[in-house]
Amino acid sequence: MAYEMTHAERIQYKRRQDGAYQAGEDAVTNLQAALALADMTLPSLSNDGPVAGHGFVRLGGCNAAFANRLAEVITAGANALQYQR
């Protein structure tokens, strides 16, 4: 017999999924902004929705945490390049 979630469990699951989806959206926005500083774009960059309860960003495949870290690194690099010009 299959397990059926309770109403409270369904609400909690939906909140986690919504949070994971938003994390992906935020990561895409952060990475797009960082790439723009370096005059770069990834045409296929998009939110791939929640995967295993985490935001997932499509750019060849990475999780939201990695995309946020990549955004920080690109931003730092782009800022450093601007000071050299």
Protein backbone atom coordinates (compact mmCIF):
# COMPACT_ATOMS: atom_id res chain seq x y z
CA MET A 1 0.00 0.00 0.00
CA ALA A 2 1.31 3.42 -0.95
CA TYR A 3 1.92 6.03 1.73
CA GLU A 4 -0.31 9.07 1.47
CA MET A 5 0.96 12.33 2.92
CA THR A 6 -1.13 14.17 5.45
CA HIS A 7 -2.41 17.65 4.69
CA ALA A 8 0.30 19.17 6.91
CA GLU A 9 3.02 17.13 5.14
CA ARG A 10 1.75 18.26 1.73
CA ILE A 11 1.86 21.90 2.83
CA GLN A 12 5.38 21.49 4.25
CA TYR A 13 6.53 19.74 1.03
CA LYS A 14 5.04 22.49 -1.14
CA ARG A 15 6.77 25.18 0.92
CA ARG A 16 10.12 23.40 0.52
CA GLN A 17 9.55 23.05 -3.23
CA ASP A 18 8.53 26.72 -3.53
CA GLY A 19 11.63 27.76 -1.59
CA ALA A 20 13.83 25.60 -3.79
CA TYR A 21 12.25 27.06 -6.94
CA GLN A 22 12.83 30.61 -5.63
CA ALA A 23 16.44 29.73 -4.80
CA GLY A 24 16.90 28.73 -8.44
CA GLU A 25 15.28 31.96 -9.65
CA ASP A 26 17.53 34.02 -7.37
CA ALA A 27 20.62 32.13 -8.54
CA VAL A 28 19.75 32.75 -12.20
CA THR A 29 19.24 36.47 -11.52
CA ASN A 30 22.53 36.70 -9.59
CA LEU A 31 24.48 34.87 -12.27
CA GLN A 32 22.96 36.90 -15.11
CA ALA A 33 23.92 40.13 -13.33
CA ALA A 34 27.44 38.88 -12.65
CA LEU A 35 27.91 37.72 -16.22
CA ALA A 36 26.64 41.08 -17.50
CA LEU A 37 29.42 42.81 -15.54
CA ALA A 38 31.89 40.76 -17.56
CA ASP A 39 29.95 41.32 -20.83
CA MET A 40 29.10 37.64 -20.94
CA THR A 41 25.81 35.80 -21.39
CA LEU A 42 24.73 32.21 -21.23
CA PRO A 43 21.74 31.94 -23.59
CA SER A 44 20.56 28.69 -22.02
CA LEU A 45 20.80 29.96 -18.42
CA SER A 46 17.48 29.22 -16.73
CA ASN A 47 15.81 27.94 -13.60
CA ASP A 48 15.31 24.21 -13.95
CA GLY A 49 12.96 24.04 -10.97
CA PRO A 50 13.46 22.18 -7.73
CA VAL A 51 15.57 19.03 -7.89
CA ALA A 52 15.80 16.91 -4.75
CA GLY A 53 14.52 19.84 -2.71
CA HIS A 54 17.12 22.32 -3.99
CA GLY A 55 17.01 25.06 -6.60
CA PHE A 56 18.62 23.92 -9.85
CA VAL A 57 20.02 26.23 -12.53
CA ARG A 58 20.40 25.09 -16.13
CA LEU A 59 23.65 26.25 -17.66
CA GLY A 60 25.00 22.84 -18.36
CA GLY A 61 23.82 21.69 -14.95
CA CYS A 62 24.65 22.95 -11.47
CA ASN A 63 22.84 23.51 -8.21
CA ALA A 64 21.78 26.92 -6.91
CA ALA A 65 24.57 27.08 -4.33
CA PHE A 66 27.23 26.54 -7.01
CA ALA A 67 25.60 29.12 -9.28
CA ASN A 68 25.58 31.67 -6.43
CA ARG A 69 29.27 30.99 -5.74
CA LEU A 70 30.07 31.30 -9.44
CA ALA A 71 28.21 34.62 -9.44
CA GLU A 72 30.36 35.86 -6.55
CA VAL A 73 33.57 34.83 -8.30
CA ILE A 74 32.57 36.37 -11.62
CA THR A 75 31.50 39.57 -9.88
CA ALA A 76 34.82 39.80 -8.04
CA GLY A 77 36.74 39.14 -11.25
CA ALA A 78 34.74 41.64 -13.26
CA ASN A 79 35.20 44.29 -10.56
CA ALA A 80 38.95 43.64 -10.51
CA LEU A 81 39.10 44.01 -14.30
CA GLN A 82 37.22 47.32 -14.16
CA TYR A 83 39.86 48.75 -11.77
CA GLN A 84 42.65 47.70 -14.15
CA ARG A 85 41.18 49.64 -17.11
